[in-house]
Amino acid sequence: MDILSHYNYWVAIFLMMTGFYVVIASGNLVKKLIGLNVFQASVFILYISAGVVDKGVPPILKEGASILYSNPLPHVLILTAIVVGVGTTALGLALAIRIKEAYGSVEEDDIHAQEED
């Protein structure tokens, strides 16, 4: 088993760490939302990669055939997660707009400084 044969897992790990770094390192709320979306996309890739069965076919029953079927459940769960992610991103952007209107900035340091005054 070659380590490079599972490159999709390496891509998922790279995206996960990139998104995590952006969330931790950035003080801008919009950049944090983008980092969360990158992190979320990496989780989607990870789940879809885990749900793939080598030489698996869609689960359509055929008479007299013993075929290796792939499980459609991970793909269905990812579709649901995408819808939830879009809603969460929309809510986060709406909150960022309200914070910008209230404080005049979306930088955490500026917001904290105004709260302390």
PDB file of N, CA and C in Angstrom:
ATOM      1  N   MET A   1       0.842  -1.174   0.000  1.00  0.00           N
ATOM      2  CA  MET A   1       0.000   0.000   0.000  1.00  0.00           C
ATOM      3  C   MET A   1       0.891   1.242   0.000  1.00  0.00           C
ATOM      4  N   ASP A   2       0.836   1.955  -1.071  1.00  0.00           N
ATOM      5  CA  ASP A   2       1.667   3.130  -1.252  1.00  0.00           C
ATOM      6  C   ASP A   2       1.036   4.330  -0.550  1.00  0.00           C
ATOM      7  N   ILE A   3       1.867   5.134   0.083  1.00  0.00           N
ATOM      8  CA  ILE A   3       1.359   6.279   0.841  1.00  0.00           C
ATOM      9  C   ILE A   3       0.777   7.344  -0.085  1.00  0.00           C
ATOM     10  N   LEU A   4       1.260   7.431  -1.314  1.00  0.00           N
ATOM     11  CA  LEU A   4       0.753   8.420  -2.253  1.00  0.00           C
ATOM     12  C   LEU A   4      -0.518   7.959  -2.958  1.00  0.00           C
ATOM     13  N   SER A   5      -0.891   6.702  -2.797  1.00  0.00           N
ATOM     14  CA  SER A   5      -2.102   6.224  -3.460  1.00  0.00           C
ATOM     15  C   SER A   5      -3.360   6.789  -2.811  1.00  0.00           C
ATOM     16  N   HIS A   6      -3.256   7.294  -1.601  1.00  0.00           N
ATOM     17  CA  HIS A   6      -4.388   7.897  -0.909  1.00  0.00           C
ATOM     18  C   HIS A   6      -4.200   9.411  -0.821  1.00  0.00           C
ATOM     19  N   TYR A   7      -3.943  10.023  -1.971  1.00  0.00           N
ATOM     20  CA  TYR A   7      -3.668  11.453  -1.987  1.00  0.00           C
ATOM     21  C   TYR A   7      -4.873  12.277  -1.532  1.00  0.00           C
ATOM     22  N   ASN A   8      -6.091  11.764  -1.710  1.00  0.00           N
ATOM     23  CA  ASN A   8      -7.265  12.520  -1.285  1.00  0.00           C
ATOM     24  C   ASN A   8      -7.277  12.726   0.228  1.00  0.00           C
ATOM     25  N   TYR A   9      -6.753  11.775   0.994  1.00  0.00           N
ATOM     26  CA  TYR A   9      -6.658  11.961   2.439  1.00  0.00           C
ATOM     27  C   TYR A   9      -5.627  13.029   2.781  1.00  0.00           C
ATOM     28  N   TRP A  10      -4.533  13.066   2.023  1.00  0.00           N
ATOM     29  CA  TRP A  10      -3.519  14.092   2.251  1.00  0.00           C
ATOM     30  C   TRP A  10      -4.068  15.481   1.918  1.00  0.00           C
ATOM     31  N   VAL A  11      -4.868  15.575   0.864  1.00  0.00           N
ATOM     32  CA  VAL A  11      -5.499  16.850   0.512  1.00  0.00           C
ATOM     33  C   VAL A  11      -6.446  17.281   1.626  1.00  0.00           C
ATOM     34  N   ALA A  12      -7.223  16.342   2.143  1.00  0.00           N
ATOM     35  CA  ALA A  12      -8.154  16.657   3.228  1.00  0.00           C
ATOM     36  C   ALA A  12      -7.406  17.135   4.469  1.00  0.00           C
ATOM     37  N   ILE A  13      -6.306  16.482   4.805  1.00  0.00           N
ATOM     38  CA  ILE A  13      -5.520  16.885   5.973  1.00  0.00           C
ATOM     39  C   ILE A  13      -4.906  18.266   5.768  1.00  0.00           C
ATOM     40  N   PHE A  14      -4.380  18.511   4.563  1.00  0.00           N
ATOM     41  CA  PHE A  14      -3.798  19.822   4.260  1.00  0.00           C
ATOM     42  C   PHE A  14      -4.851  20.925   4.366  1.00  0.00           C
ATOM     43  N   LEU A  15      -6.022  20.700   3.772  1.00  0.00           N
ATOM     44  CA  LEU A  15      -7.091  21.706   3.848  1.00  0.00           C
ATOM     45  C   LEU A  15      -7.575  21.899   5.282  1.00  0.00           C
ATOM     46  N   MET A  16      -7.633  20.812   6.034  1.00  0.00           N
ATOM     47  CA  MET A  16      -8.080  20.901   7.415  1.00  0.00           C
ATOM     48  C   MET A  16      -7.119  21.757   8.239  1.00  0.00           C
ATOM     49  N   MET A  17      -5.843  21.521   8.096  1.00  0.00           N
ATOM     50  CA  MET A  17      -4.862  22.287   8.855  1.00  0.00           C
ATOM     51  C   MET A  17      -4.795  23.741   8.375  1.00  0.00           C
ATOM     52  N   THR A  18      -4.987  23.962   7.073  1.00  0.00           N
ATOM     53  CA  THR A  18      -5.003  25.327   6.553  1.00  0.00           C
ATOM     54  C   THR A  18      -6.186  26.104   7.113  1.00  0.00           C
ATOM     55  N   GLY A  19      -7.369  25.489   7.078  1.00  0.00           N
ATOM     56  CA  GLY A  19      -8.549  26.144   7.623  1.00  0.00           C
ATOM     57  C   GLY A  19      -8.423  26.395   9.108  1.00  0.00           C
ATOM     58  N   PHE A  20      -7.882  25.425   9.840  1.00  0.00           N
ATOM     59  CA  PHE A  20      -7.688  25.579  11.277  1.00  0.00           C
ATOM     60  C   PHE A  20      -6.716  26.720  11.579  1.00  0.00           C
ATOM     61  N   TYR A  21      -5.646  26.818  10.796  1.00  0.00           N
ATOM     62  CA  TYR A  21      -4.667  27.886  10.993  1.00  0.00           C
ATOM     63  C   TYR A  21      -5.302  29.255  10.745  1.00  0.00           C
ATOM     64  N   VAL A  22      -6.107  29.372   9.696  1.00  0.00           N
ATOM     65  CA  VAL A  22      -6.746  30.650   9.390  1.00  0.00           C
ATOM     66  C   VAL A  22      -7.689  31.057  10.520  1.00  0.00           C
ATOM     67  N   VAL A  23      -8.423  30.108  11.065  1.00  0.00           N
ATOM     68  CA  VAL A  23      -9.347  30.418  12.163  1.00  0.00           C
ATOM     69  C   VAL A  23      -8.575  30.879  13.398  1.00  0.00           C
ATOM     70  N   ILE A  24      -7.482  30.221  13.706  1.00  0.00           N
ATOM     71  CA  ILE A  24      -6.713  30.554  14.902  1.00  0.00           C
ATOM     72  C   ILE A  24      -5.895  31.830  14.728  1.00  0.00           C
ATOM     73  N   ALA A  25      -5.254  32.012  13.583  1.00  0.00           N
ATOM     74  CA  ALA A  25      -4.290  33.088  13.404  1.00  0.00           C
ATOM     75  C   ALA A  25      -4.916  34.424  13.016  1.00  0.00           C
ATOM     76  N   SER A  26      -6.071  34.394  12.395  1.00  0.00           N
ATOM     77  CA  SER A  26      -6.650  35.628  11.883  1.00  0.00           C
ATOM     78  C   SER A  26      -7.525  36.296  12.929  1.00  0.00           C
ATOM     79  N   GLY A  27      -7.481  37.615  12.951  1.00  0.00           N
ATOM     80  CA  GLY A  27      -8.338  38.381  13.841  1.00  0.00           C
ATOM     81  C   GLY A  27      -9.554  38.945  13.134  1.00  0.00           C
ATOM     82  N   ASN A  28      -9.574  38.823  11.812  1.00  0.00           N
ATOM     83  CA  ASN A  28     -10.680  39.315  11.008  1.00  0.00           C
ATOM     84  C   ASN A  28     -11.797  38.277  11.006  1.00  0.00           C
ATOM     85  N   LEU A  29     -13.016  38.697  11.331  1.00  0.00           N
ATOM     86  CA  LEU A  29     -14.126  37.753  11.437  1.00  0.00           C
ATOM     87  C   LEU A  29     -14.506  37.127  10.096  1.00  0.00           C
ATOM     88  N   VAL A  30     -14.388  37.876   9.013  1.00  0.00           N
ATOM     89  CA  VAL A  30     -14.712  37.333   7.695  1.00  0.00           C
ATOM     90  C   VAL A  30     -13.670  36.285   7.289  1.00  0.00           C
ATOM     91  N   LYS A  31     -12.411  36.543   7.592  1.00  0.00           N
ATOM     92  CA  LYS A  31     -11.367  35.556   7.304  1.00  0.00           C
ATOM     93  C   LYS A  31     -11.575  34.293   8.129  1.00  0.00           C
ATOM     94  N   LYS A  32     -12.050  34.463   9.359  1.00  0.00           N
ATOM     95  CA  LYS A  32     -12.357  33.291  10.188  1.00  0.00           C
ATOM     96  C   LYS A  32     -13.472  32.461   9.555  1.00  0.00           C
ATOM     97  N   LEU A  33     -14.479  33.109   8.996  1.00  0.00           N
ATOM     98  CA  LEU A  33     -15.553  32.387   8.307  1.00  0.00           C
ATOM     99  C   LEU A  33     -15.021  31.635   7.088  1.00  0.00           C
ATOM    100  N   ILE A  34     -14.116  32.262   6.361  1.00  0.00           N
ATOM    101  CA  ILE A  34     -13.511  31.588   5.205  1.00  0.00           C
ATOM    102  C   ILE A  34     -12.703  30.384   5.667  1.00  0.00           C
ATOM    103  N   GLY A  35     -11.956  30.535   6.762  1.00  0.00           N
ATOM    104  CA  GLY A  35     -11.203  29.404   7.319  1.00  0.00           C
ATOM    105  C   GLY A  35     -12.118  28.272   7.749  1.00  0.00           C
ATOM    106  N   LEU A  36     -13.260  28.616   8.353  1.00  0.00           N
ATOM    107  CA  LEU A  36     -14.225  27.586   8.738  1.00  0.00           C
ATOM    108  C   LEU A  36     -14.782  26.862   7.516  1.00  0.00           C
ATOM    109  N   ASN A  37     -15.006  27.590   6.437  1.00  0.00           N
ATOM    110  CA  ASN A  37     -15.504  26.959   5.208  1.00  0.00           C
ATOM    111  C   ASN A  37     -14.459  26.037   4.591  1.00  0.00           C
ATOM    112  N   VAL A  38     -13.198  26.428   4.639  1.00  0.00           N
ATOM    113  CA  VAL A  38     -12.133  25.552   4.131  1.00  0.00           C
ATOM    114  C   VAL A  38     -12.052  24.292   4.988  1.00  0.00           C
ATOM    115  N   PHE A  39     -12.125  24.463   6.303  1.00  0.00           N
ATOM    116  CA  PHE A  39     -12.112  23.321   7.218  1.00  0.00           C
ATOM    117  C   PHE A  39     -13.292  22.392   6.931  1.00  0.00           C
ATOM    118  N   GLN A  40     -14.447  22.983   6.721  1.00  0.00           N
ATOM    119  CA  GLN A  40     -15.647  22.205   6.441  1.00  0.00           C
ATOM    120  C   GLN A  40     -15.518  21.443   5.115  1.00  0.00           C
ATOM    121  N   ALA A  41     -14.947  22.074   4.111  1.00  0.00           N
ATOM    122  CA  ALA A  41     -14.741  21.395   2.833  1.00  0.00           C
ATOM    123  C   ALA A  41     -13.802  20.205   2.990  1.00  0.00           C
ATOM    124  N   SER A  42     -12.806  20.336   3.854  1.00  0.00           N
ATOM    125  CA  SER A  42     -11.890  19.218   4.078  1.00  0.00           C
ATOM    126  C   SER A  42     -12.611  18.042   4.728  1.00  0.00           C
ATOM    127  N   VAL A  43     -13.545  18.339   5.626  1.00  0.00           N
ATOM    128  CA  VAL A  43     -14.329  17.265   6.250  1.00  0.00           C
ATOM    129  C   VAL A  43     -15.202  16.581   5.208  1.00  0.00           C
ATOM    130  N   PHE A  44     -15.761  17.355   4.280  1.00  0.00           N
ATOM    131  CA  PHE A  44     -16.553  16.768   3.199  1.00  0.00           C
ATOM    132  C   PHE A  44     -15.702  15.803   2.369  1.00  0.00           C
ATOM    133  N   ILE A  45     -14.507  16.239   2.014  1.00  0.00           N
ATOM    134  CA  ILE A  45     -13.610  15.392   1.223  1.00  0.00           C
ATOM    135  C   ILE A  45     -13.254  14.128   1.995  1.00  0.00           C
ATOM    136  N   LEU A  46     -13.022  14.272   3.286  1.00  0.00           N
ATOM    137  CA  LEU A  46     -12.668  13.123   4.113  1.00  0.00           C
ATOM    138  C   LEU A  46     -13.806  12.103   4.164  1.00  0.00           C
ATOM    139  N   TYR A  47     -15.026  12.569   4.383  1.00  0.00           N
ATOM    140  CA  TYR A  47     -16.167  11.657   4.454  1.00  0.00           C
ATOM    141  C   TYR A  47     -16.440  10.988   3.111  1.00  0.00           C
ATOM    142  N   ILE A  48     -16.370  11.756   2.041  1.00  0.00           N
ATOM    143  CA  ILE A  48     -16.614  11.171   0.719  1.00  0.00           C
ATOM    144  C   ILE A  48     -15.527  10.159   0.380  1.00  0.00           C
ATOM    145  N   SER A  49     -14.288  10.456   0.729  1.00  0.00           N
ATOM    146  CA  SER A  49     -13.191   9.523   0.474  1.00  0.00           C
ATOM    147  C   SER A  49     -13.373   8.225   1.252  1.00  0.00           C
ATOM    148  N   ALA A  50     -13.847   8.347   2.478  1.00  0.00           N
ATOM    149  CA  ALA A  50     -14.053   7.150   3.287  1.00  0.00           C
ATOM    150  C   ALA A  50     -15.235   6.323   2.780  1.00  0.00           C
ATOM    151  N   GLY A  51     -16.179   6.953   2.101  1.00  0.00           N
ATOM    152  CA  GLY A  51     -17.358   6.248   1.627  1.00  0.00           C
ATOM    153  C   GLY A  51     -17.184   5.546   0.295  1.00  0.00           C
ATOM    154  N   VAL A  52     -16.059   5.767  -0.363  1.00  0.00           N
ATOM    155  CA  VAL A  52     -15.827   5.155  -1.668  1.00  0.00           C
ATOM    156  C   VAL A  52     -15.358   3.706  -1.487  1.00  0.00           C
ATOM    157  N   VAL A  53     -15.985   2.811  -2.215  1.00  0.00           N
ATOM    158  CA  VAL A  53     -15.610   1.399  -2.187  1.00  0.00           C
ATOM    159  C   VAL A  53     -14.941   1.076  -3.519  1.00  0.00           C
ATOM    160  N   ASP A  54     -13.755   0.481  -3.450  1.00  0.00           N
ATOM    161  CA  ASP A  54     -13.025   0.135  -4.664  1.00  0.00           C
ATOM    162  C   ASP A  54     -13.821  -0.891  -5.473  1.00  0.00           C
ATOM    163  N   LYS A  55     -14.084  -0.570  -6.726  1.00  0.00           N
ATOM    164  CA  LYS A  55     -14.863  -1.399  -7.654  1.00  0.00           C
ATOM    165  C   LYS A  55     -16.305  -1.587  -7.174  1.00  0.00           C
ATOM    166  N   GLY A  56     -16.785  -0.655  -6.384  1.00  0.00           N
ATOM    167  CA  GLY A  56     -18.166  -0.709  -5.921  1.00  0.00           C
ATOM    168  C   GLY A  56     -19.088  -0.070  -6.941  1.00  0.00           C
ATOM    169  N   VAL A  57     -20.314  -0.552  -6.991  1.00  0.00           N
ATOM    170  CA  VAL A  57     -21.319  -0.019  -7.913  1.00  0.00           C
ATOM    171  C   VAL A  57     -22.456   0.572  -7.097  1.00  0.00           C
ATOM    172  N   PRO A  58     -23.282   1.405  -7.729  1.00  0.00           N
ATOM    173  CA  PRO A  58     -24.439   1.940  -6.999  1.00  0.00           C
ATOM    174  C   PRO A  58     -25.349   0.805  -6.526  1.00  0.00           C
ATOM    175  N   PRO A  59     -26.003   1.004  -5.406  1.00  0.00           N
ATOM    176  CA  PRO A  59     -26.818  -0.073  -4.831  1.00  0.00           C
ATOM    177  C   PRO A  59     -28.154  -0.257  -5.553  1.00  0.00           C
ATOM    178  N   ILE A  60     -28.086  -0.719  -6.776  1.00  0.00           N
ATOM    179  CA  ILE A  60     -29.278  -1.052  -7.551  1.00  0.00           C
ATOM    180  C   ILE A  60     -29.320  -2.563  -7.649  1.00  0.00           C
ATOM    181  N   LEU A  61     -30.370  -3.145  -7.135  1.00  0.00           N
ATOM    182  CA  LEU A  61     -30.457  -4.603  -7.072  1.00  0.00           C
ATOM    183  C   LEU A  61     -30.663  -5.204  -8.462  1.00  0.00           C
ATOM    184  N   LYS A  62     -29.863  -6.225  -8.744  1.00  0.00           N
ATOM    185  CA  LYS A  62     -29.986  -6.967  -9.992  1.00  0.00           C
ATOM    186  C   LYS A  62     -30.174  -8.427  -9.637  1.00  0.00           C
ATOM    187  N   GLU A  63     -30.964  -9.087 -10.405  1.00  0.00           N
ATOM    188  CA  GLU A  63     -31.289 -10.469 -10.109  1.00  0.00           C
ATOM    189  C   GLU A  63     -30.100 -11.399 -10.353  1.00  0.00           C
ATOM    190  N   GLY A  64     -29.802 -12.227  -9.376  1.00  0.00           N
ATOM    191  CA  GLY A  64     -28.784 -13.256  -9.520  1.00  0.00           C
ATOM    192  C   GLY A  64     -27.348 -12.768  -9.516  1.00  0.00           C
ATOM    193  N   ALA A  65     -27.114 -11.547  -9.083  1.00  0.00           N
ATOM    194  CA  ALA A  65     -25.749 -11.023  -9.105  1.00  0.00           C
ATOM    195  C   ALA A  65     -25.301 -10.717  -7.681  1.00  0.00           C
ATOM    196  N   SER A  66     -24.114 -11.175  -7.347  1.00  0.00           N
ATOM    197  CA  SER A  66     -23.531 -10.778  -6.065  1.00  0.00           C
ATOM    198  C   SER A  66     -22.447  -9.760  -6.385  1.00  0.00           C
ATOM    199  N   ILE A  67     -22.805  -8.527  -6.257  1.00  0.00           N
ATOM    200  CA  ILE A  67     -21.941  -7.418  -6.636  1.00  0.00           C
ATOM    201  C   ILE A  67     -21.574  -6.638  -5.377  1.00  0.00           C
ATOM    202  N   LEU A  68     -20.405  -6.059  -5.381  1.00  0.00           N
ATOM    203  CA  LEU A  68     -19.955  -5.222  -4.278  1.00  0.00           C
ATOM    204  C   LEU A  68     -20.597  -3.845  -4.427  1.00  0.00           C
ATOM    205  N   TYR A  69     -21.443  -3.497  -3.477  1.00  0.00           N
ATOM    206  CA  TYR A  69     -22.144  -2.218  -3.516  1.00  0.00           C
ATOM    207  C   TYR A  69     -21.428  -1.186  -2.666  1.00  0.00           C
ATOM    208  N   SER A  70     -21.495   0.052  -3.121  1.00  0.00           N
ATOM    209  CA  SER A  70     -20.967   1.138  -2.296  1.00  0.00           C
ATOM    210  C   SER A  70     -22.122   1.747  -1.511  1.00  0.00           C
ATOM    211  N   ASN A  71     -21.817   2.231  -0.343  1.00  0.00           N
ATOM    212  CA  ASN A  71     -22.821   2.768   0.562  1.00  0.00           C
ATOM    213  C   ASN A  71     -23.124   4.224   0.189  1.00  0.00           C
ATOM    214  N   PRO A  72     -24.380   4.560  -0.105  1.00  0.00           N
ATOM    215  CA  PRO A  72     -24.709   5.950  -0.460  1.00  0.00           C
ATOM    216  C   PRO A  72     -24.885   6.871   0.749  1.00  0.00           C
ATOM    217  N   LEU A  73     -24.878   6.325   1.956  1.00  0.00           N
ATOM    218  CA  LEU A  73     -25.146   7.127   3.148  1.00  0.00           C
ATOM    219  C   LEU A  73     -24.138   8.271   3.356  1.00  0.00           C
ATOM    220  N   PRO A  74     -22.833   8.064   3.206  1.00  0.00           N
ATOM    221  CA  PRO A  74     -21.914   9.198   3.390  1.00  0.00           C
ATOM    222  C   PRO A  74     -22.184  10.344   2.425  1.00  0.00           C
ATOM    223  N   HIS A  75     -22.554  10.025   1.201  1.00  0.00           N
ATOM    224  CA  HIS A  75     -22.816  11.070   0.216  1.00  0.00           C
ATOM    225  C   HIS A  75     -24.087  11.840   0.567  1.00  0.00           C
ATOM    226  N   VAL A  76     -25.085  11.143   1.068  1.00  0.00           N
ATOM    227  CA  VAL A  76     -26.322  11.806   1.489  1.00  0.00           C
ATOM    228  C   VAL A  76     -26.054  12.706   2.691  1.00  0.00           C
ATOM    229  N   LEU A  77     -25.248  12.222   3.628  1.00  0.00           N
ATOM    230  CA  LEU A  77     -24.917  13.037   4.796  1.00  0.00           C
ATOM    231  C   LEU A  77     -24.140  14.291   4.401  1.00  0.00           C
ATOM    232  N   ILE A  78     -23.288  14.172   3.408  1.00  0.00           N
ATOM    233  CA  ILE A  78     -22.520  15.330   2.957  1.00  0.00           C
ATOM    234  C   ILE A  78     -23.430  16.342   2.285  1.00  0.00           C
ATOM    235  N   LEU A  79     -24.417  15.889   1.525  1.00  0.00           N
ATOM    236  CA  LEU A  79     -25.373  16.824   0.932  1.00  0.00           C
ATOM    237  C   LEU A  79     -26.099  17.615   2.014  1.00  0.00           C
ATOM    238  N   THR A  80     -26.495  16.938   3.068  1.00  0.00           N
ATOM    239  CA  THR A  80     -27.142  17.620   4.188  1.00  0.00           C
ATOM    240  C   THR A  80     -26.171  18.588   4.860  1.00  0.00           C
ATOM    241  N   ALA A  81     -24.935  18.172   5.032  1.00  0.00           N
ATOM    242  CA  ALA A  81     -23.933  19.032   5.670  1.00  0.00           C
ATOM    243  C   ALA A  81     -23.634  20.271   4.823  1.00  0.00           C
ATOM    244  N   ILE A  82     -23.682  20.141   3.500  1.00  0.00           N
ATOM    245  CA  ILE A  82     -23.456  21.297   2.634  1.00  0.00           C
ATOM    246  C   ILE A  82     -24.566  22.325   2.834  1.00  0.00           C
ATOM    247  N   VAL A  83     -25.804  21.860   2.904  1.00  0.00           N
ATOM    248  CA  VAL A  83     -26.928  22.778   3.121  1.00  0.00           C
ATOM    249  C   VAL A  83     -26.800  23.467   4.474  1.00  0.00           C
ATOM    250  N   VAL A  84     -26.452  22.733   5.509  1.00  0.00           N
ATOM    251  CA  VAL A  84     -26.267  23.324   6.833  1.00  0.00           C
ATOM    252  C   VAL A  84     -25.097  24.309   6.810  1.00  0.00           C
ATOM    253  N   GLY A  85     -24.026  23.961   6.101  1.00  0.00           N
ATOM    254  CA  GLY A  85     -22.868  24.846   6.006  1.00  0.00           C
ATOM    255  C   GLY A  85     -23.183  26.154   5.309  1.00  0.00           C
ATOM    256  N   VAL A  86     -23.993  26.101   4.265  1.00  0.00           N
ATOM    257  CA  VAL A  86     -24.379  27.335   3.566  1.00  0.00           C
ATOM    258  C   VAL A  86     -25.210  28.222   4.497  1.00  0.00           C
ATOM    259  N   GLY A  87     -26.111  27.606   5.237  1.00  0.00           N
ATOM    260  CA  GLY A  87     -26.916  28.377   6.187  1.00  0.00           C
ATOM    261  C   GLY A  87     -26.075  28.988   7.294  1.00  0.00           C
ATOM    262  N   THR A  88     -25.127  28.234   7.799  1.00  0.00           N
ATOM    263  CA  THR A  88     -24.242  28.724   8.854  1.00  0.00           C
ATOM    264  C   THR A  88     -23.372  29.874   8.346  1.00  0.00           C
ATOM    265  N   THR A  89     -22.879  29.739   7.120  1.00  0.00           N
ATOM    266  CA  THR A  89     -22.062  30.802   6.529  1.00  0.00           C
ATOM    267  C   THR A  89     -22.889  32.062   6.327  1.00  0.00           C
ATOM    268  N   ALA A  90     -24.124  31.908   5.862  1.00  0.00           N
ATOM    269  CA  ALA A  90     -24.992  33.074   5.672  1.00  0.00           C
ATOM    270  C   ALA A  90     -25.256  33.774   7.001  1.00  0.00           C
ATOM    271  N   LEU A  91     -25.514  33.001   8.047  1.00  0.00           N
ATOM    272  CA  LEU A  91     -25.737  33.582   9.370  1.00  0.00           C
ATOM    273  C   LEU A  91     -24.474  34.284   9.873  1.00  0.00           C
ATOM    274  N   GLY A  92     -23.322  33.656   9.678  1.00  0.00           N
ATOM    275  CA  GLY A  92     -22.059  34.263  10.103  1.00  0.00           C
ATOM    276  C   GLY A  92     -21.773  35.566   9.381  1.00  0.00           C
ATOM    277  N   LEU A  93     -22.052  35.604   8.081  1.00  0.00           N
ATOM    278  CA  LEU A  93     -21.835  36.843   7.327  1.00  0.00           C
ATOM    279  C   LEU A  93     -22.821  37.929   7.758  1.00  0.00           C
ATOM    280  N   ALA A  94     -24.060  37.534   8.052  1.00  0.00           N
ATOM    281  CA  ALA A  94     -25.039  38.505   8.544  1.00  0.00           C
ATOM    282  C   ALA A  94     -24.597  39.075   9.887  1.00  0.00           C
ATOM    283  N   LEU A  95     -24.083  38.230  10.763  1.00  0.00           N
ATOM    284  CA  LEU A  95     -23.576  38.710  12.050  1.00  0.00           C
ATOM    285  C   LEU A  95     -22.359  39.617  11.872  1.00  0.00           C
ATOM    286  N   ALA A  96     -21.499  39.280  10.910  1.00  0.00           N
ATOM    287  CA  ALA A  96     -20.324  40.127  10.646  1.00  0.00           C
ATOM    288  C   ALA A  96     -20.757  41.501  10.152  1.00  0.00           C
ATOM    289  N   ILE A  97     -21.812  41.555   9.342  1.00  0.00           N
ATOM    290  CA  ILE A  97     -22.319  42.850   8.879  1.00  0.00           C
ATOM    291  C   ILE A  97     -22.866  43.662  10.057  1.00  0.00           C
ATOM    292  N   ARG A  98     -23.610  43.021  10.939  1.00  0.00           N
ATOM    293  CA  ARG A  98     -24.152  43.722  12.109  1.00  0.00           C
ATOM    294  C   ARG A  98     -23.027  44.195  13.037  1.00  0.00           C
ATOM    295  N   ILE A  99     -22.006  43.377  13.207  1.00  0.00           N
ATOM    296  CA  ILE A  99     -20.864  43.779  14.043  1.00  0.00           C
ATOM    297  C   ILE A  99     -20.152  44.962  13.414  1.00  0.00           C
ATOM    298  N   LYS A 100     -20.001  44.945  12.089  1.00  0.00           N
ATOM    299  CA  LYS A 100     -19.368  46.065  11.381  1.00  0.00           C
ATOM    300  C   LYS A 100     -20.176  47.346  11.563  1.00  0.00           C
ATOM    301  N   GLU A 101     -21.513  47.232  11.496  1.00  0.00           N
ATOM    302  CA  GLU A 101     -22.360  48.410  11.696  1.00  0.00           C
ATOM    303  C   GLU A 101     -22.269  48.920  13.133  1.00  0.00           C
ATOM    304  N   ALA A 102     -22.205  48.017  14.093  1.00  0.00           N
ATOM    305  CA  ALA A 102     -22.209  48.420  15.503  1.00  0.00           C
ATOM    306  C   ALA A 102     -20.852  48.951  15.965  1.00  0.00           C
ATOM    307  N   TYR A 103     -19.769  48.320  15.538  1.00  0.00           N
ATOM    308  CA  TYR A 103     -18.433  48.666  16.033  1.00  0.00           C
ATOM    309  C   TYR A 103     -17.556  49.364  15.005  1.00  0.00           C
ATOM    310  N   GLY A 104     -17.948  49.346  13.746  1.00  0.00           N
ATOM    311  CA  GLY A 104     -17.146  49.996  12.714  1.00  0.00           C
ATOM    312  C   GLY A 104     -15.966  49.176  12.246  1.00  0.00           C
ATOM    313  N   SER A 105     -15.861  47.926  12.691  1.00  0.00           N
ATOM    314  CA  SER A 105     -14.745  47.066  12.313  1.00  0.00           C
ATOM    315  C   SER A 105     -15.137  45.607  12.496  1.00  0.00           C
ATOM    316  N   VAL A 106     -14.453  44.739  11.764  1.00  0.00           N
ATOM    317  CA  VAL A 106     -14.643  43.300  11.947  1.00  0.00           C
ATOM    318  C   VAL A 106     -13.381  42.649  12.506  1.00  0.00           C
ATOM    319  N   GLU A 107     -12.446  43.482  12.976  1.00  0.00           N
ATOM    320  CA  GLU A 107     -11.228  42.980  13.614  1.00  0.00           C
ATOM    321  C   GLU A 107     -11.492  42.754  15.103  1.00  0.00           C
ATOM    322  N   GLU A 108     -11.102  41.591  15.602  1.00  0.00           N
ATOM    323  CA  GLU A 108     -11.362  41.253  16.999  1.00  0.00           C
ATOM    324  C   GLU A 108     -10.705  42.226  17.972  1.00  0.00           C
ATOM    325  N   ASP A 109      -9.482  42.645  17.672  1.00  0.00           N
ATOM    326  CA  ASP A 109      -8.772  43.555  18.574  1.00  0.00           C
ATOM    327  C   ASP A 109      -9.501  44.887  18.708  1.00  0.00           C
ATOM    328  N   ASP A 110     -10.005  45.428  17.598  1.00  0.00           N
ATOM    329  CA  ASP A 110     -10.738  46.683  17.644  1.00  0.00           C
ATOM    330  C   ASP A 110     -12.034  46.544  18.434  1.00  0.00           C
ATOM    331  N   ILE A 111     -12.707  45.425  18.248  1.00  0.00           N
ATOM    332  CA  ILE A 111     -13.972  45.187  18.960  1.00  0.00           C
ATOM    333  C   ILE A 111     -13.732  45.075  20.454  1.00  0.00           C
ATOM    334  N   HIS A 112     -12.690  44.312  20.844  1.00  0.00           N
ATOM    335  CA  HIS A 112     -12.366  44.155  22.264  1.00  0.00           C
ATOM    336  C   HIS A 112     -11.948  45.486  22.877  1.00  0.00           C
ATOM    337  N   ALA A 113     -11.210  46.304  22.120  1.00  0.00           N
ATOM    338  CA  ALA A 113     -10.774  47.605  22.639  1.00  0.00           C
ATOM    339  C   ALA A 113     -11.968  48.512  22.873  1.00  0.00           C
ATOM    340  N   GLN A 114     -12.966  48.468  21.994  1.00  0.00           N
ATOM    341  CA  GLN A 114     -14.156  49.303  22.180  1.00  0.00           C
ATOM    342  C   GLN A 114     -15.010  48.802  23.331  1.00  0.00           C
ATOM    343  N   GLU A 115     -15.018  47.502  23.567  1.00  0.00           N
ATOM    344  CA  GLU A 115     -15.780  46.929  24.671  1.00  0.00           C
ATOM    345  C   GLU A 115     -15.193  47.292  26.022  1.00  0.00           C
ATOM    346  N   GLU A 116     -13.861  47.438  26.088  1.00  0.00           N
ATOM    347  CA  GLU A 116     -13.198  47.755  27.350  1.00  0.00           C
ATOM    348  C   GLU A 116     -13.385  49.226  27.743  1.00  0.00           C
ATOM    349  N   ASP A 117     -13.643  50.078  26.766  1.00  0.00           N
ATOM    350  CA  ASP A 117     -13.797  51.515  27.056  1.00  0.00           C
ATOM    351  C   ASP A 117     -15.107  51.821  27.708  1.00  0.00           C
TER     352      ASP A 117
END
